[in-house]
Amino acid sequence: MKISSCAIIALAGASVATLAHAATHTSGSLTPFRNTTTRGGYTIDTVGDTLGQAPPQNTRLIIRIFGGDKKVVKPAQIALMDKSGAVIKPVFREDRKVGYEENTGLPLSVTPQASTSGYSGTGVGINLNKIFGPKGSYAYTKVDWPKAIFTADKQLEIALPNGQTFLLPLSSLAK
């Protein structure tokens, strides 16, 4: 009889610990990962701050939206929406221009060359994408929210200039 009551107490303790872990996971802040979603003829590409440029108290999300014609569309508004429908605007938003990426510079690239006999030094090439790459005035949008509110119970709301709006659960963009 002692063995069965000890087993029940152990199982109860394990279930409470599991529920406590699940509660802290859903209420804790999320970290964005790379994700591509298609909605209404648009492709929404999101990624987190891979270069670590966001302030430590913020979570950064980088967003690119492609229309059906494969051209990048600049969102009119980006916000988070909580369960009550309240809209939370980002604390920082920057729309980046084409060619203003962090890795811009000379269109030369230096890469190691390999042959059938192994490594044979370094080669120099021209990055034609930097010369003839995409043209336009808009490339992507960077937005920051405080880490404390970037949680699984929120949705990302993206409004386009044509009035179309998309809602994406943060749990589909971050873990």
C-alpha atoms as a PDB file:
ATOM      1  CA  MET A   1       0.000   0.000   0.000  1.00  0.00           C
ATOM      2  CA  LYS A   2       2.906   2.368   0.715  1.00  0.00           C
ATOM      3  CA  ILE A   3       4.311   1.763  -2.756  1.00  0.00           C
ATOM      4  CA  SER A   4       1.078   2.706  -4.516  1.00  0.00           C
ATOM      5  CA  SER A   5       0.574   5.900  -2.457  1.00  0.00           C
ATOM      6  CA  CYS A   6       4.197   6.918  -3.087  1.00  0.00           C
ATOM      7  CA  ALA A   7       3.690   6.346  -6.812  1.00  0.00           C
ATOM      8  CA  ILE A   8       0.538   8.492  -6.805  1.00  0.00           C
ATOM      9  CA  ILE A   9       2.332  11.306  -4.954  1.00  0.00           C
ATOM     10  CA  ALA A  10       5.260  11.117  -7.403  1.00  0.00           C
ATOM     11  CA  LEU A  11       2.922  11.235 -10.415  1.00  0.00           C
ATOM     12  CA  ALA A  12       1.007  14.168  -8.944  1.00  0.00           C
ATOM     13  CA  GLY A  13       4.262  16.038  -8.334  1.00  0.00           C
ATOM     14  CA  ALA A  14       5.431  15.350 -11.877  1.00  0.00           C
ATOM     15  CA  SER A  15       2.162  16.599 -13.358  1.00  0.00           C
ATOM     16  CA  VAL A  16       2.334  19.820 -11.295  1.00  0.00           C
ATOM     17  CA  ALA A  17       5.930  20.372 -12.438  1.00  0.00           C
ATOM     18  CA  THR A  18       4.891  19.799 -16.059  1.00  0.00           C
ATOM     19  CA  LEU A  19       2.007  22.272 -15.764  1.00  0.00           C
ATOM     20  CA  ALA A  20       4.300  24.846 -14.144  1.00  0.00           C
ATOM     21  CA  HIS A  21       6.850  24.454 -16.965  1.00  0.00           C
ATOM     22  CA  ALA A  22       4.123  24.779 -19.615  1.00  0.00           C
ATOM     23  CA  ALA A  23       2.742  27.893 -17.928  1.00  0.00           C
ATOM     24  CA  THR A  24       6.140  29.583 -17.835  1.00  0.00           C
ATOM     25  CA  HIS A  25       6.858  28.621 -21.448  1.00  0.00           C
ATOM     26  CA  THR A  26       3.677  30.207 -22.821  1.00  0.00           C
ATOM     27  CA  SER A  27       4.035  33.324 -20.704  1.00  0.00           C
ATOM     28  CA  GLY A  28       7.762  33.790 -21.396  1.00  0.00           C
ATOM     29  CA  SER A  29       9.118  35.858 -24.255  1.00  0.00           C
ATOM     30  CA  LEU A  30       9.694  34.179 -27.602  1.00  0.00           C
ATOM     31  CA  THR A  31      12.707  34.205 -29.921  1.00  0.00           C
ATOM     32  CA  PRO A  32      11.896  34.662 -33.627  1.00  0.00           C
ATOM     33  CA  PHE A  33      13.139  32.136 -36.178  1.00  0.00           C
ATOM     34  CA  ARG A  34      13.097  32.196 -39.976  1.00  0.00           C
ATOM     35  CA  ASN A  35       9.638  31.543 -41.374  1.00  0.00           C
ATOM     36  CA  THR A  36       7.908  31.992 -44.715  1.00  0.00           C
ATOM     37  CA  THR A  37       4.113  32.149 -44.840  1.00  0.00           C
ATOM     38  CA  THR A  38       1.772  32.605 -47.794  1.00  0.00           C
ATOM     39  CA  ARG A  39      -1.458  34.532 -47.226  1.00  0.00           C
ATOM     40  CA  GLY A  40      -3.855  35.918 -49.819  1.00  0.00           C
ATOM     41  CA  GLY A  41      -1.371  35.838 -52.702  1.00  0.00           C
ATOM     42  CA  TYR A  42       1.379  37.467 -50.601  1.00  0.00           C
ATOM     43  CA  THR A  43       4.498  35.786 -49.241  1.00  0.00           C
ATOM     44  CA  ILE A  44       5.536  36.979 -45.781  1.00  0.00           C
ATOM     45  CA  ASP A  45       9.146  36.242 -44.854  1.00  0.00           C
ATOM     46  CA  THR A  46      10.201  36.840 -41.232  1.00  0.00           C
ATOM     47  CA  VAL A  47      13.450  36.315 -39.336  1.00  0.00           C
ATOM     48  CA  GLY A  48      14.851  37.367 -35.985  1.00  0.00           C
ATOM     49  CA  ASP A  49      17.803  39.638 -35.290  1.00  0.00           C
ATOM     50  CA  THR A  50      20.621  37.439 -36.617  1.00  0.00           C
ATOM     51  CA  LEU A  51      23.248  40.190 -36.234  1.00  0.00           C
ATOM     52  CA  GLY A  52      22.394  40.996 -32.605  1.00  0.00           C
ATOM     53  CA  GLN A  53      21.718  44.679 -33.285  1.00  0.00           C
ATOM     54  CA  ALA A  54      18.566  45.039 -31.174  1.00  0.00           C
ATOM     55  CA  PRO A  55      18.900  46.440 -27.650  1.00  0.00           C
ATOM     56  CA  PRO A  56      19.037  43.629 -25.060  1.00  0.00           C
ATOM     57  CA  GLN A  57      15.611  44.527 -23.628  1.00  0.00           C
ATOM     58  CA  ASN A  58      13.918  44.227 -27.068  1.00  0.00           C
ATOM     59  CA  THR A  59      13.028  41.464 -29.504  1.00  0.00           C
ATOM     60  CA  ARG A  60      13.603  42.359 -33.162  1.00  0.00           C
ATOM     61  CA  LEU A  61      11.638  40.975 -36.092  1.00  0.00           C
ATOM     62  CA  ILE A  62      12.698  41.566 -39.699  1.00  0.00           C
ATOM     63  CA  ILE A  63       9.846  41.363 -42.212  1.00  0.00           C
ATOM     64  CA  ARG A  64       9.709  41.189 -46.022  1.00  0.00           C
ATOM     65  CA  ILE A  65       6.431  40.891 -47.920  1.00  0.00           C
ATOM     66  CA  PHE A  66       6.326  39.863 -51.567  1.00  0.00           C
ATOM     67  CA  GLY A  67       3.299  40.459 -53.774  1.00  0.00           C
ATOM     68  CA  GLY A  68       2.065  38.094 -56.473  1.00  0.00           C
ATOM     69  CA  ASP A  69       4.388  39.857 -58.937  1.00  0.00           C
ATOM     70  CA  LYS A  70       7.394  38.990 -56.666  1.00  0.00           C
ATOM     71  CA  LYS A  71       7.978  42.673 -55.850  1.00  0.00           C
ATOM     72  CA  VAL A  72       8.592  43.668 -52.245  1.00  0.00           C
ATOM     73  CA  VAL A  73       5.615  45.439 -50.631  1.00  0.00           C
ATOM     74  CA  LYS A  74       6.174  47.938 -47.808  1.00  0.00           C
ATOM     75  CA  PRO A  75       3.654  47.378 -44.979  1.00  0.00           C
ATOM     76  CA  ALA A  76       1.595  50.374 -43.909  1.00  0.00           C
ATOM     77  CA  GLN A  77       1.420  49.203 -40.284  1.00  0.00           C
ATOM     78  CA  ILE A  78       2.966  46.442 -38.187  1.00  0.00           C
ATOM     79  CA  ALA A  79       1.743  45.777 -34.657  1.00  0.00           C
ATOM     80  CA  LEU A  80       1.089  43.062 -32.104  1.00  0.00           C
ATOM     81  CA  MET A  81      -2.458  42.223 -31.080  1.00  0.00           C
ATOM     82  CA  ASP A  82      -3.311  40.629 -27.753  1.00  0.00           C
ATOM     83  CA  LYS A  83      -6.296  38.380 -26.944  1.00  0.00           C
ATOM     84  CA  SER A  84      -8.496  41.356 -26.039  1.00  0.00           C
ATOM     85  CA  GLY A  85      -7.877  42.954 -29.455  1.00  0.00           C
ATOM     86  CA  ALA A  86      -5.635  45.725 -28.133  1.00  0.00           C
ATOM     87  CA  VAL A  87      -3.004  46.843 -30.649  1.00  0.00           C
ATOM     88  CA  ILE A  88       0.582  47.217 -29.409  1.00  0.00           C
ATOM     89  CA  LYS A  89       2.782  49.330 -31.668  1.00  0.00           C
ATOM     90  CA  PRO A  90       6.511  48.589 -31.894  1.00  0.00           C
ATOM     91  CA  VAL A  91       8.962  50.697 -29.895  1.00  0.00           C
ATOM     92  CA  PHE A  92      11.178  50.899 -32.989  1.00  0.00           C
ATOM     93  CA  ARG A  93      10.491  50.600 -36.715  1.00  0.00           C
ATOM     94  CA  GLU A  94      12.877  51.138 -39.591  1.00  0.00           C
ATOM     95  CA  ASP A  95      12.130  50.612 -43.269  1.00  0.00           C
ATOM     96  CA  ARG A  96      15.382  49.766 -45.016  1.00  0.00           C
ATOM     97  CA  LYS A  97      16.205  50.724 -48.568  1.00  0.00           C
ATOM     98  CA  VAL A  98      17.623  48.444 -51.257  1.00  0.00           C
ATOM     99  CA  GLY A  99      21.411  48.529 -51.158  1.00  0.00           C
ATOM    100  CA  TYR A 100      21.461  49.766 -47.554  1.00  0.00           C
ATOM    101  CA  GLU A 101      21.997  46.302 -46.098  1.00  0.00           C
ATOM    102  CA  GLU A 102      24.701  45.836 -43.491  1.00  0.00           C
ATOM    103  CA  ASN A 103      26.967  43.937 -45.886  1.00  0.00           C
ATOM    104  CA  THR A 104      27.124  46.559 -48.650  1.00  0.00           C
ATOM    105  CA  GLY A 105      30.462  47.555 -50.044  1.00  0.00           C
ATOM    106  CA  LEU A 106      32.516  46.830 -53.086  1.00  0.00           C
ATOM    107  CA  PRO A 107      31.005  44.270 -55.432  1.00  0.00           C
ATOM    108  CA  LEU A 108      34.139  42.127 -55.086  1.00  0.00           C
ATOM    109  CA  SER A 109      34.210  38.861 -53.214  1.00  0.00           C
ATOM    110  CA  VAL A 110      37.254  36.939 -52.058  1.00  0.00           C
ATOM    111  CA  THR A 111      36.691  33.196 -51.759  1.00  0.00           C
ATOM    112  CA  PRO A 112      38.906  30.163 -51.371  1.00  0.00           C
ATOM    113  CA  GLN A 113      39.274  28.162 -54.562  1.00  0.00           C
ATOM    114  CA  ALA A 114      39.294  24.381 -54.588  1.00  0.00           C
ATOM    115  CA  SER A 115      40.421  22.047 -57.318  1.00  0.00           C
ATOM    116  CA  THR A 116      40.545  18.285 -57.721  1.00  0.00           C
ATOM    117  CA  SER A 117      43.929  18.266 -56.011  1.00  0.00           C
ATOM    118  CA  GLY A 118      42.612  20.235 -53.017  1.00  0.00           C
ATOM    119  CA  TYR A 119      42.874  23.834 -51.881  1.00  0.00           C
ATOM    120  CA  SER A 120      44.645  26.093 -54.354  1.00  0.00           C
ATOM    121  CA  GLY A 121      44.639  29.572 -52.825  1.00  0.00           C
ATOM    122  CA  THR A 122      42.195  32.420 -52.914  1.00  0.00           C
ATOM    123  CA  GLY A 123      40.105  33.646 -55.830  1.00  0.00           C
ATOM    124  CA  VAL A 124      38.600  37.053 -56.468  1.00  0.00           C
ATOM    125  CA  GLY A 125      35.211  37.400 -58.104  1.00  0.00           C
ATOM    126  CA  ILE A 126      32.611  40.041 -58.812  1.00  0.00           C
ATOM    127  CA  ASN A 127      29.282  39.854 -57.028  1.00  0.00           C
ATOM    128  CA  LEU A 128      26.948  40.694 -59.918  1.00  0.00           C
ATOM    129  CA  ASN A 129      23.942  40.818 -57.587  1.00  0.00           C
ATOM    130  CA  LYS A 130      25.403  43.946 -55.947  1.00  0.00           C
ATOM    131  CA  ILE A 131      25.797  45.563 -59.353  1.00  0.00           C
ATOM    132  CA  PHE A 132      22.664  44.371 -61.152  1.00  0.00           C
ATOM    133  CA  GLY A 133      20.662  43.301 -58.082  1.00  0.00           C
ATOM    134  CA  PRO A 134      17.130  44.264 -57.129  1.00  0.00           C
ATOM    135  CA  LYS A 135      16.132  47.860 -57.767  1.00  0.00           C
ATOM    136  CA  GLY A 136      13.626  49.897 -55.815  1.00  0.00           C
ATOM    137  CA  SER A 137      13.358  52.093 -52.778  1.00  0.00           C
ATOM    138  CA  TYR A 138      12.281  49.496 -50.184  1.00  0.00           C
ATOM    139  CA  ALA A 139      13.901  46.237 -49.090  1.00  0.00           C
ATOM    140  CA  TYR A 140      12.610  45.182 -45.627  1.00  0.00           C
ATOM    141  CA  THR A 141      11.278  46.432 -42.285  1.00  0.00           C
ATOM    142  CA  LYS A 142      12.880  46.005 -38.866  1.00  0.00           C
ATOM    143  CA  VAL A 143      10.580  46.270 -35.829  1.00  0.00           C
ATOM    144  CA  ASP A 144      11.313  45.938 -32.098  1.00  0.00           C
ATOM    145  CA  TRP A 145       9.033  45.206 -29.154  1.00  0.00           C
ATOM    146  CA  PRO A 146       9.942  44.830 -25.479  1.00  0.00           C
ATOM    147  CA  LYS A 147      10.810  41.188 -24.750  1.00  0.00           C
ATOM    148  CA  ALA A 148       8.223  41.043 -21.975  1.00  0.00           C
ATOM    149  CA  ILE A 149       5.297  41.499 -24.400  1.00  0.00           C
ATOM    150  CA  PHE A 150       6.649  39.332 -27.274  1.00  0.00           C
ATOM    151  CA  THR A 151       4.791  36.231 -26.027  1.00  0.00           C
ATOM    152  CA  ALA A 152       2.858  33.292 -27.511  1.00  0.00           C
ATOM    153  CA  ASP A 153      -0.546  34.777 -26.666  1.00  0.00           C
ATOM    154  CA  LYS A 154      -0.055  37.625 -29.198  1.00  0.00           C
ATOM    155  CA  GLN A 155      -0.576  37.853 -32.959  1.00  0.00           C
ATOM    156  CA  LEU A 156       1.430  39.838 -35.485  1.00  0.00           C
ATOM    157  CA  GLU A 157      -0.816  42.209 -37.422  1.00  0.00           C
ATOM    158  CA  ILE A 158       0.454  43.420 -40.802  1.00  0.00           C
ATOM    159  CA  ALA A 159      -1.581  46.019 -42.700  1.00  0.00           C
ATOM    160  CA  LEU A 160      -0.734  46.660 -46.355  1.00  0.00           C
ATOM    161  CA  PRO A 161      -1.181  49.970 -48.196  1.00  0.00           C
ATOM    162  CA  ASN A 162      -4.155  48.513 -50.122  1.00  0.00           C
ATOM    163  CA  GLY A 163      -6.028  47.929 -46.828  1.00  0.00           C
ATOM    164  CA  GLN A 164      -5.483  44.165 -46.667  1.00  0.00           C
ATOM    165  CA  THR A 165      -4.554  42.906 -43.190  1.00  0.00           C
ATOM    166  CA  PHE A 166      -2.867  39.678 -42.097  1.00  0.00           C
ATOM    167  CA  LEU A 167      -2.815  38.159 -38.608  1.00  0.00           C
ATOM    168  CA  LEU A 168      -0.042  35.685 -37.827  1.00  0.00           C
ATOM    169  CA  PRO A 169       0.240  33.967 -34.431  1.00  0.00           C
ATOM    170  CA  LEU A 170       3.617  34.746 -32.838  1.00  0.00           C
ATOM    171  CA  SER A 171       3.934  31.067 -31.992  1.00  0.00           C
ATOM    172  CA  SER A 172       4.238  30.391 -35.743  1.00  0.00           C
ATOM    173  CA  LEU A 173       7.114  32.891 -36.063  1.00  0.00           C
ATOM    174  CA  ALA A 174       9.001  32.352 -32.812  1.00  0.00           C
ATOM    175  CA  LYS A 175       9.673  29.738 -30.158  1.00  0.00           C
END
